[in-house]
Amino acid sequence: MSQRKPKDFERAAREQSSPGFFAELWGFLRENKKWWLIPILLVLLILGVLVLLSGTGAAPFIYTLF
């Protein structure tokens, strides 16, 4: 049996160094010119932080915002 050389996509699949989520997201936004997604993502991030803080001692201060 002859051994064949691995193709480029097989080599890429074996590589362990892949960029993180935020690096890929930034690359996507920059490459595809999807700048309108940034405000949406920021609002979702802020709401997520507020939800997480609502279960802590900071809850009385968060409720005064609304």
PDB file of N, CA and C in Angstrom:
ATOM      1  N   MET A   1       0.826  -1.171   0.000  1.00  0.00           N
ATOM      2  CA  MET A   1       0.000   0.000   0.000  1.00  0.00           C
ATOM      3  C   MET A   1       0.876   1.241   0.000  1.00  0.00           C
ATOM      4  N   SER A   2       0.564   2.161  -0.851  1.00  0.00           N
ATOM      5  CA  SER A   2       1.345   3.388  -0.894  1.00  0.00           C
ATOM      6  C   SER A   2       0.706   4.430   0.014  1.00  0.00           C
ATOM      7  N   GLN A   3       1.560   5.192   0.645  1.00  0.00           N
ATOM      8  CA  GLN A   3       1.051   6.249   1.516  1.00  0.00           C
ATOM      9  C   GLN A   3       0.866   7.515   0.702  1.00  0.00           C
ATOM     10  N   ARG A   4      -0.246   8.143   0.894  1.00  0.00           N
ATOM     11  CA  ARG A   4      -0.513   9.373   0.166  1.00  0.00           C
ATOM     12  C   ARG A   4      -0.195  10.575   1.046  1.00  0.00           C
ATOM     13  N   LYS A   5       0.104  11.696   0.414  1.00  0.00           N
ATOM     14  CA  LYS A   5       0.401  12.903   1.170  1.00  0.00           C
ATOM     15  C   LYS A   5      -0.902  13.532   1.656  1.00  0.00           C
ATOM     16  N   PRO A   6      -0.901  14.026   2.887  1.00  0.00           N
ATOM     17  CA  PRO A   6      -2.124  14.667   3.386  1.00  0.00           C
ATOM     18  C   PRO A   6      -2.399  15.968   2.637  1.00  0.00           C
ATOM     19  N   LYS A   7      -3.638  16.219   2.411  1.00  0.00           N
ATOM     20  CA  LYS A   7      -4.030  17.424   1.708  1.00  0.00           C
ATOM     21  C   LYS A   7      -4.010  18.614   2.664  1.00  0.00           C
ATOM     22  N   ASP A   8      -4.136  19.797   2.106  1.00  0.00           N
ATOM     23  CA  ASP A   8      -4.070  21.008   2.915  1.00  0.00           C
ATOM     24  C   ASP A   8      -5.156  21.048   3.982  1.00  0.00           C
ATOM     25  N   PHE A   9      -6.374  20.682   3.623  1.00  0.00           N
ATOM     26  CA  PHE A   9      -7.452  20.761   4.619  1.00  0.00           C
ATOM     27  C   PHE A   9      -7.293  19.717   5.708  1.00  0.00           C
ATOM     28  N   GLU A  10      -6.648  18.591   5.403  1.00  0.00           N
ATOM     29  CA  GLU A  10      -6.393  17.587   6.442  1.00  0.00           C
ATOM     30  C   GLU A  10      -5.343  18.089   7.424  1.00  0.00           C
ATOM     31  N   ARG A  11      -4.336  18.761   6.888  1.00  0.00           N
ATOM     32  CA  ARG A  11      -3.312  19.339   7.767  1.00  0.00           C
ATOM     33  C   ARG A  11      -3.909  20.438   8.639  1.00  0.00           C
ATOM     34  N   ALA A  12      -4.761  21.256   8.052  1.00  0.00           N
ATOM     35  CA  ALA A  12      -5.386  22.335   8.820  1.00  0.00           C
ATOM     36  C   ALA A  12      -6.293  21.781   9.913  1.00  0.00           C
ATOM     37  N   ALA A  13      -6.949  20.670   9.661  1.00  0.00           N
ATOM     38  CA  ALA A  13      -7.833  20.067  10.658  1.00  0.00           C
ATOM     39  C   ALA A  13      -7.042  19.513  11.832  1.00  0.00           C
ATOM     40  N   ARG A  14      -5.825  19.097  11.595  1.00  0.00           N
ATOM     41  CA  ARG A  14      -5.003  18.526  12.664  1.00  0.00           C
ATOM     42  C   ARG A  14      -4.327  19.582  13.525  1.00  0.00           C
ATOM     43  N   GLU A  15      -4.240  20.805  13.027  1.00  0.00           N
ATOM     44  CA  GLU A  15      -3.572  21.860  13.789  1.00  0.00           C
ATOM     45  C   GLU A  15      -4.354  22.170  15.058  1.00  0.00           C
ATOM     46  N   GLN A  16      -3.636  22.363  16.137  1.00  0.00           N
ATOM     47  CA  GLN A  16      -4.267  22.627  17.422  1.00  0.00           C
ATOM     48  C   GLN A  16      -4.465  24.117  17.672  1.00  0.00           C
ATOM     49  N   SER A  17      -3.692  24.957  17.025  1.00  0.00           N
ATOM     50  CA  SER A  17      -3.766  26.398  17.302  1.00  0.00           C
ATOM     51  C   SER A  17      -4.861  27.037  16.454  1.00  0.00           C
ATOM     52  N   SER A  18      -6.009  27.213  17.069  1.00  0.00           N
ATOM     53  CA  SER A  18      -7.105  27.887  16.387  1.00  0.00           C
ATOM     54  C   SER A  18      -7.410  29.175  17.140  1.00  0.00           C
ATOM     55  N   PRO A  19      -7.806  30.217  16.433  1.00  0.00           N
ATOM     56  CA  PRO A  19      -8.100  31.473  17.130  1.00  0.00           C
ATOM     57  C   PRO A  19      -9.322  31.320  18.027  1.00  0.00           C
ATOM     58  N   GLY A  20      -9.395  32.157  19.020  1.00  0.00           N
ATOM     59  CA  GLY A  20     -10.510  32.111  19.949  1.00  0.00           C
ATOM     60  C   GLY A  20     -11.783  32.676  19.334  1.00  0.00           C
ATOM     61  N   PHE A  21     -12.841  32.621  20.118  1.00  0.00           N
ATOM     62  CA  PHE A  21     -14.150  33.082  19.653  1.00  0.00           C
ATOM     63  C   PHE A  21     -14.127  34.556  19.276  1.00  0.00           C
ATOM     64  N   PHE A  22     -13.542  35.381  20.140  1.00  0.00           N
ATOM     65  CA  PHE A  22     -13.549  36.817  19.886  1.00  0.00           C
ATOM     66  C   PHE A  22     -12.648  37.191  18.719  1.00  0.00           C
ATOM     67  N   ALA A  23     -11.562  36.466  18.536  1.00  0.00           N
ATOM     68  CA  ALA A  23     -10.705  36.718  17.379  1.00  0.00           C
ATOM     69  C   ALA A  23     -11.427  36.366  16.081  1.00  0.00           C
ATOM     70  N   GLU A  24     -12.159  35.270  16.103  1.00  0.00           N
ATOM     71  CA  GLU A  24     -12.925  34.899  14.907  1.00  0.00           C
ATOM     72  C   GLU A  24     -14.067  35.880  14.654  1.00  0.00           C
ATOM     73  N   LEU A  25     -14.728  36.321  15.722  1.00  0.00           N
ATOM     74  CA  LEU A  25     -15.802  37.293  15.566  1.00  0.00           C
ATOM     75  C   LEU A  25     -15.273  38.600  14.995  1.00  0.00           C
ATOM     76  N   TRP A  26     -14.148  39.077  15.509  1.00  0.00           N
ATOM     77  CA  TRP A  26     -13.553  40.305  14.996  1.00  0.00           C
ATOM     78  C   TRP A  26     -13.140  40.142  13.536  1.00  0.00           C
ATOM     79  N   GLY A  27     -12.566  39.001  13.194  1.00  0.00           N
ATOM     80  CA  GLY A  27     -12.207  38.737  11.800  1.00  0.00           C
ATOM     81  C   GLY A  27     -13.420  38.719  10.892  1.00  0.00           C
ATOM     82  N   PHE A  28     -14.514  38.139  11.374  1.00  0.00           N
ATOM     83  CA  PHE A  28     -15.750  38.116  10.591  1.00  0.00           C
ATOM     84  C   PHE A  28     -16.286  39.522  10.366  1.00  0.00           C
ATOM     85  N   LEU A  29     -16.332  40.325  11.441  1.00  0.00           N
ATOM     86  CA  LEU A  29     -16.844  41.685  11.325  1.00  0.00           C
ATOM     87  C   LEU A  29     -15.985  42.521  10.386  1.00  0.00           C
ATOM     88  N   ARG A  30     -14.689  42.368  10.488  1.00  0.00           N
ATOM     89  CA  ARG A  30     -13.778  43.159   9.660  1.00  0.00           C
ATOM     90  C   ARG A  30     -13.807  42.718   8.206  1.00  0.00           C
ATOM     91  N   GLU A  31     -13.836  41.433   7.970  1.00  0.00           N
ATOM     92  CA  GLU A  31     -13.787  40.905   6.601  1.00  0.00           C
ATOM     93  C   GLU A  31     -15.081  41.166   5.837  1.00  0.00           C
ATOM     94  N   ASN A  32     -16.215  41.003   6.512  1.00  0.00           N
ATOM     95  CA  ASN A  32     -17.509  41.123   5.839  1.00  0.00           C
ATOM     96  C   ASN A  32     -18.154  42.486   5.996  1.00  0.00           C
ATOM     97  N   LYS A  33     -17.464  43.406   6.644  1.00  0.00           N
ATOM     98  CA  LYS A  33     -17.968  44.772   6.842  1.00  0.00           C
ATOM     99  C   LYS A  33     -19.337  44.788   7.515  1.00  0.00           C
ATOM    100  N   LYS A  34     -19.478  44.024   8.565  1.00  0.00           N
ATOM    101  CA  LYS A  34     -20.731  43.932   9.317  1.00  0.00           C
ATOM    102  C   LYS A  34     -20.662  44.813  10.571  1.00  0.00           C
ATOM    103  N   TRP A  35     -20.317  46.075  10.387  1.00  0.00           N
ATOM    104  CA  TRP A  35     -20.135  46.968  11.525  1.00  0.00           C
ATOM    105  C   TRP A  35     -21.433  47.247  12.256  1.00  0.00           C
ATOM    106  N   TRP A  36     -22.568  47.053  11.612  1.00  0.00           N
ATOM    107  CA  TRP A  36     -23.857  47.308  12.250  1.00  0.00           C
ATOM    108  C   TRP A  36     -24.145  46.286  13.347  1.00  0.00           C
ATOM    109  N   LEU A  37     -23.400  45.183  13.394  1.00  0.00           N
ATOM    110  CA  LEU A  37     -23.610  44.184  14.449  1.00  0.00           C
ATOM    111  C   LEU A  37     -23.015  44.607  15.789  1.00  0.00           C
ATOM    112  N   ILE A  38     -22.068  45.523  15.767  1.00  0.00           N
ATOM    113  CA  ILE A  38     -21.377  45.905  17.003  1.00  0.00           C
ATOM    114  C   ILE A  38     -22.337  46.497  18.038  1.00  0.00           C
ATOM    115  N   PRO A  39     -23.218  47.453  17.695  1.00  0.00           N
ATOM    116  CA  PRO A  39     -24.149  47.956  18.731  1.00  0.00           C
ATOM    117  C   PRO A  39     -25.078  46.877  19.277  1.00  0.00           C
ATOM    118  N   ILE A  40     -25.515  45.975  18.434  1.00  0.00           N
ATOM    119  CA  ILE A  40     -26.391  44.896  18.897  1.00  0.00           C
ATOM    120  C   ILE A  40     -25.650  44.006  19.893  1.00  0.00           C
ATOM    121  N   LEU A  41     -24.423  43.659  19.575  1.00  0.00           N
ATOM    122  CA  LEU A  41     -23.636  42.817  20.474  1.00  0.00           C
ATOM    123  C   LEU A  41     -23.330  43.526  21.792  1.00  0.00           C
ATOM    124  N   LEU A  42     -23.077  44.829  21.738  1.00  0.00           N
ATOM    125  CA  LEU A  42     -22.816  45.577  22.966  1.00  0.00           C
ATOM    126  C   LEU A  42     -24.051  45.629  23.865  1.00  0.00           C
ATOM    127  N   VAL A  43     -25.224  45.839  23.289  1.00  0.00           N
ATOM    128  CA  VAL A  43     -26.453  45.860  24.092  1.00  0.00           C
ATOM    129  C   VAL A  43     -26.696  44.488  24.718  1.00  0.00           C
ATOM    130  N   LEU A  44     -26.482  43.423  23.955  1.00  0.00           N
ATOM    131  CA  LEU A  44     -26.650  42.079  24.520  1.00  0.00           C
ATOM    132  C   LEU A  44     -25.651  41.818  25.639  1.00  0.00           C
ATOM    133  N   LEU A  45     -24.433  42.292  25.471  1.00  0.00           N
ATOM    134  CA  LEU A  45     -23.423  42.119  26.516  1.00  0.00           C
ATOM    135  C   LEU A  45     -23.800  42.886  27.781  1.00  0.00           C
ATOM    136  N   ILE A  46     -24.264  44.117  27.627  1.00  0.00           N
ATOM    137  CA  ILE A  46     -24.662  44.916  28.787  1.00  0.00           C
ATOM    138  C   ILE A  46     -25.848  44.281  29.506  1.00  0.00           C
ATOM    139  N   LEU A  47     -26.826  43.812  28.752  1.00  0.00           N
ATOM    140  CA  LEU A  47     -27.977  43.147  29.381  1.00  0.00           C
ATOM    141  C   LEU A  47     -27.557  41.871  30.103  1.00  0.00           C
ATOM    142  N   GLY A  48     -26.637  41.128  29.524  1.00  0.00           N
ATOM    143  CA  GLY A  48     -26.138  39.925  30.178  1.00  0.00           C
ATOM    144  C   GLY A  48     -25.434  40.233  31.487  1.00  0.00           C
ATOM    145  N   VAL A  49     -24.640  41.292  31.490  1.00  0.00           N
ATOM    146  CA  VAL A  49     -23.955  41.693  32.723  1.00  0.00           C
ATOM    147  C   VAL A  49     -24.963  42.130  33.774  1.00  0.00           C
ATOM    148  N   LEU A  50     -25.986  42.870  33.357  1.00  0.00           N
ATOM    149  CA  LEU A  50     -27.015  43.284  34.322  1.00  0.00           C
ATOM    150  C   LEU A  50     -27.757  42.087  34.906  1.00  0.00           C
ATOM    151  N   VAL A  51     -28.034  41.098  34.097  1.00  0.00           N
ATOM    152  CA  VAL A  51     -28.715  39.896  34.599  1.00  0.00           C
ATOM    153  C   VAL A  51     -27.821  39.160  35.592  1.00  0.00           C
ATOM    154  N   LEU A  52     -26.552  39.061  35.297  1.00  0.00           N
ATOM    155  CA  LEU A  52     -25.634  38.392  36.226  1.00  0.00           C
ATOM    156  C   LEU A  52     -25.498  39.160  37.536  1.00  0.00           C
ATOM    157  N   LEU A  53     -25.472  40.476  37.446  1.00  0.00           N
ATOM    158  CA  LEU A  53     -25.327  41.278  38.666  1.00  0.00           C
ATOM    159  C   LEU A  53     -26.610  41.347  39.480  1.00  0.00           C
ATOM    160  N   SER A  54     -27.738  41.019  38.880  1.00  0.00           N
ATOM    161  CA  SER A  54     -28.997  41.107  39.621  1.00  0.00           C
ATOM    162  C   SER A  54     -29.090  40.057  40.727  1.00  0.00           C
ATOM    163  N   GLY A  55     -28.284  39.041  40.661  1.00  0.00           N
ATOM    164  CA  GLY A  55     -28.295  38.018  41.702  1.00  0.00           C
ATOM    165  C   GLY A  55     -27.253  38.259  42.777  1.00  0.00           C
ATOM    166  N   THR A  56     -26.578  39.387  42.742  1.00  0.00           N
ATOM    167  CA  THR A  56     -25.524  39.672  43.713  1.00  0.00           C
ATOM    168  C   THR A  56     -25.955  40.806  44.640  1.00  0.00           C
ATOM    169  N   GLY A  57     -25.021  41.294  45.407  1.00  0.00           N
ATOM    170  CA  GLY A  57     -25.291  42.403  46.319  1.00  0.00           C
ATOM    171  C   GLY A  57     -25.489  43.721  45.600  1.00  0.00           C
ATOM    172  N   ALA A  58     -25.183  43.767  44.306  1.00  0.00           N
ATOM    173  CA  ALA A  58     -25.351  45.004  43.532  1.00  0.00           C
ATOM    174  C   ALA A  58     -26.773  45.169  43.027  1.00  0.00           C
ATOM    175  N   ALA A  59     -27.653  44.239  43.330  1.00  0.00           N
ATOM    176  CA  ALA A  59     -29.032  44.268  42.819  1.00  0.00           C
ATOM    177  C   ALA A  59     -29.784  45.544  43.191  1.00  0.00           C
ATOM    178  N   PRO A  60     -29.710  46.039  44.428  1.00  0.00           N
ATOM    179  CA  PRO A  60     -30.453  47.276  44.738  1.00  0.00           C
ATOM    180  C   PRO A  60     -30.011  48.466  43.890  1.00  0.00           C
ATOM    181  N   PHE A  61     -28.750  48.494  43.500  1.00  0.00           N
ATOM    182  CA  PHE A  61     -28.272  49.600  42.674  1.00  0.00           C
ATOM    183  C   PHE A  61     -28.707  49.459  41.229  1.00  0.00           C
ATOM    184  N   ILE A  62     -28.860  48.235  40.783  1.00  0.00           N
ATOM    185  CA  ILE A  62     -29.299  47.988  39.386  1.00  0.00           C
ATOM    186  C   ILE A  62     -30.776  48.329  39.252  1.00  0.00           C
ATOM    187  N   TYR A  63     -31.573  48.005  40.257  1.00  0.00           N
ATOM    188  CA  TYR A  63     -33.004  48.253  40.164  1.00  0.00           C
ATOM    189  C   TYR A  63     -33.315  49.737  40.093  1.00  0.00           C
ATOM    190  N   THR A  64     -32.439  50.578  40.634  1.00  0.00           N
ATOM    191  CA  THR A  64     -32.672  52.022  40.557  1.00  0.00           C
ATOM    192  C   THR A  64     -32.470  52.548  39.134  1.00  0.00           C
ATOM    193  N   LEU A  65     -31.790  51.789  38.278  1.00  0.00           N
ATOM    194  CA  LEU A  65     -31.599  52.211  36.900  1.00  0.00           C
ATOM    195  C   LEU A  65     -32.876  52.110  36.099  1.00  0.00           C
ATOM    196  N   PHE A  66     -33.751  51.231  36.502  1.00  0.00           N
ATOM    197  CA  PHE A  66     -34.991  51.011  35.757  1.00  0.00           C
ATOM    198  C   PHE A  66     -36.114  51.645  36.493  1.00  0.00           C
TER     199      PHE A  66
END
